[in-house]
C-alpha atoms as a PDB file:
ATOM      1  CA  MET A   1       2.734   1.266  -6.104  1.00  0.00           C
ATOM      2  CA  ALA A   2       6.457   1.470  -5.794  1.00  0.00           C
ATOM      3  CA  ARG A   3       8.523   2.342  -8.832  1.00  0.00           C
ATOM      4  CA  ALA A   4      12.121   1.355  -9.556  1.00  0.00           C
ATOM      5  CA  THR A   5      14.490   3.669 -11.398  1.00  0.00           C
ATOM      6  CA  ASP A   6      13.902   1.665 -14.599  1.00  0.00           C
ATOM      7  CA  ASP A   7      10.123   2.278 -14.321  1.00  0.00           C
ATOM      8  CA  ARG A   8       9.175  -1.205 -13.090  1.00  0.00           C
ATOM      9  CA  LEU A   9       6.174  -1.128 -10.743  1.00  0.00           C
ATOM     10  CA  ARG A  10       5.276  -3.302  -7.764  1.00  0.00           C
ATOM     11  CA  ALA A  11       1.841  -3.036  -6.184  1.00  0.00           C
ATOM     12  CA  LEU A  12       2.010  -2.465  -2.446  1.00  0.00           C
ATOM     13  CA  ALA A  13      -1.767  -2.160  -2.048  1.00  0.00           C
ATOM     14  CA  GLU A  14      -4.930  -1.699  -4.038  1.00  0.00           C
ATOM     15  CA  VAL A  15      -6.695   1.469  -2.878  1.00  0.00           C
ATOM     16  CA  THR A  16     -10.252   2.576  -3.653  1.00  0.00           C
ATOM     17  CA  PHE A  17     -11.645   5.898  -2.468  1.00  0.00           C
ATOM     18  CA  GLY A  18     -15.307   6.564  -1.765  1.00  0.00           C
ATOM     19  CA  GLU A  19     -17.231   9.179  -3.723  1.00  0.00           C
ATOM     20  CA  LEU A  20     -16.488  11.881  -1.158  1.00  0.00           C
ATOM     21  CA  GLY A  21     -13.052  10.538  -0.213  1.00  0.00           C
ATOM     22  CA  TYR A  22     -14.215   8.058   2.414  1.00  0.00           C
ATOM     23  CA  PRO A  23     -14.545   5.247   2.987  1.00  0.00           C
ATOM     24  CA  VAL A  24     -11.120   4.222   1.737  1.00  0.00           C
ATOM     25  CA  ARG A  25     -10.744   0.535   1.010  1.00  0.00           C
ATOM     26  CA  LEU A  26      -7.306  -1.070   0.927  1.00  0.00           C
ATOM     27  CA  ARG A  27      -6.463  -4.582  -0.183  1.00  0.00           C
ATOM     28  CA  TRP A  28      -2.931  -5.787   0.524  1.00  0.00           C
ATOM     29  CA  GLU A  29      -1.203  -9.102   1.210  1.00  0.00           C
ATOM     30  CA  ASN A  30      -4.520 -11.031   1.413  1.00  0.00           C
ATOM     31  CA  ARG A  31      -5.939  -8.463   3.815  1.00  0.00           C
ATOM     32  CA  PHE A  32      -8.782  -6.032   3.410  1.00  0.00           C
ATOM     33  CA  ASP A  33      -9.227  -2.821   5.393  1.00  0.00           C
ATOM     34  CA  SER A  34     -11.901  -0.164   5.134  1.00  0.00           C
ATOM     35  CA  VAL A  35     -11.424   3.138   6.953  1.00  0.00           C
ATOM     36  CA  SER A  36     -13.672   6.142   7.395  1.00  0.00           C
ATOM     37  CA  ASP A  37     -11.307   8.835   8.657  1.00  0.00           C
ATOM     38  CA  ARG A  38      -7.783  10.155   8.227  1.00  0.00           C
ATOM     39  CA  ALA A  39      -6.413   8.731  11.478  1.00  0.00           C
ATOM     40  CA  SER A  40      -7.571   5.210  10.564  1.00  0.00           C
ATOM     41  CA  PHE A  41      -6.177   5.605   7.041  1.00  0.00           C
ATOM     42  CA  GLU A  42      -2.792   6.613   8.443  1.00  0.00           C
ATOM     43  CA  GLU A  43      -2.811   3.605  10.786  1.00  0.00           C
ATOM     44  CA  VAL A  44      -3.453   1.194   7.917  1.00  0.00           C
ATOM     45  CA  LEU A  45      -0.713   2.836   5.835  1.00  0.00           C
ATOM     46  CA  LYS A  46       1.637   2.412   8.787  1.00  0.00           C
ATOM     47  CA  LYS A  47       0.755  -1.309   8.993  1.00  0.00           C
ATOM     48  CA  ILE A  48       1.364  -1.738   5.268  1.00  0.00           C
ATOM     49  CA  LEU A  49       4.743  -0.006   5.427  1.00  0.00           C
ATOM     50  CA  GLU A  50       5.792  -2.028   8.486  1.00  0.00           C
ATOM     51  CA  HIS A  51       4.809  -5.374   6.905  1.00  0.00           C
ATOM     52  CA  SER A  52       7.720  -7.591   5.880  1.00  0.00           C
ATOM     53  CA  ALA A  53       6.259  -8.256   2.414  1.00  0.00           C
ATOM     54  CA  THR A  54       6.264  -4.524   1.674  1.00  0.00           C
ATOM     55  CA  GLY A  55       9.902  -4.302   2.700  1.00  0.00           C
ATOM     56  CA  GLU A  56      10.736  -7.256   0.469  1.00  0.00           C
ATOM     57  CA  LYS A  57       9.048  -5.623  -2.552  1.00  0.00           C
ATOM     58  CA  ILE A  58      10.883  -2.358  -1.979  1.00  0.00           C
ATOM     59  CA  ALA A  59      14.201  -4.172  -1.474  1.00  0.00           C
ATOM     60  CA  GLU A  60      13.703  -6.064  -4.749  1.00  0.00           C
ATOM     61  CA  LEU A  61      13.135  -2.792  -6.596  1.00  0.00           C
ATOM     62  CA  ILE A  62      16.237  -1.236  -5.047  1.00  0.00           C
ATOM     63  CA  ALA A  63      18.283  -4.301  -5.975  1.00  0.00           C
ATOM     64  CA  GLY A  64      16.964  -4.188  -9.533  1.00  0.00           C
ATOM     65  CA  LYS A  65      15.119  -7.520  -9.415  1.00  0.00           C
END
């Protein structure tokens, strides 16, 4: 989730953690990823943050839309 200064929220991804932390399942922009270790989790987070739709959501929050 990203939060604007006026407390509006925009979902960047849906994240579900396994009982012991892994696997971590992420659903974002019509994609689904499941990772079983920290390195893979960081790679998916990097992909999400680099995706143009994520940038658009963050830009909208900054602009107050």
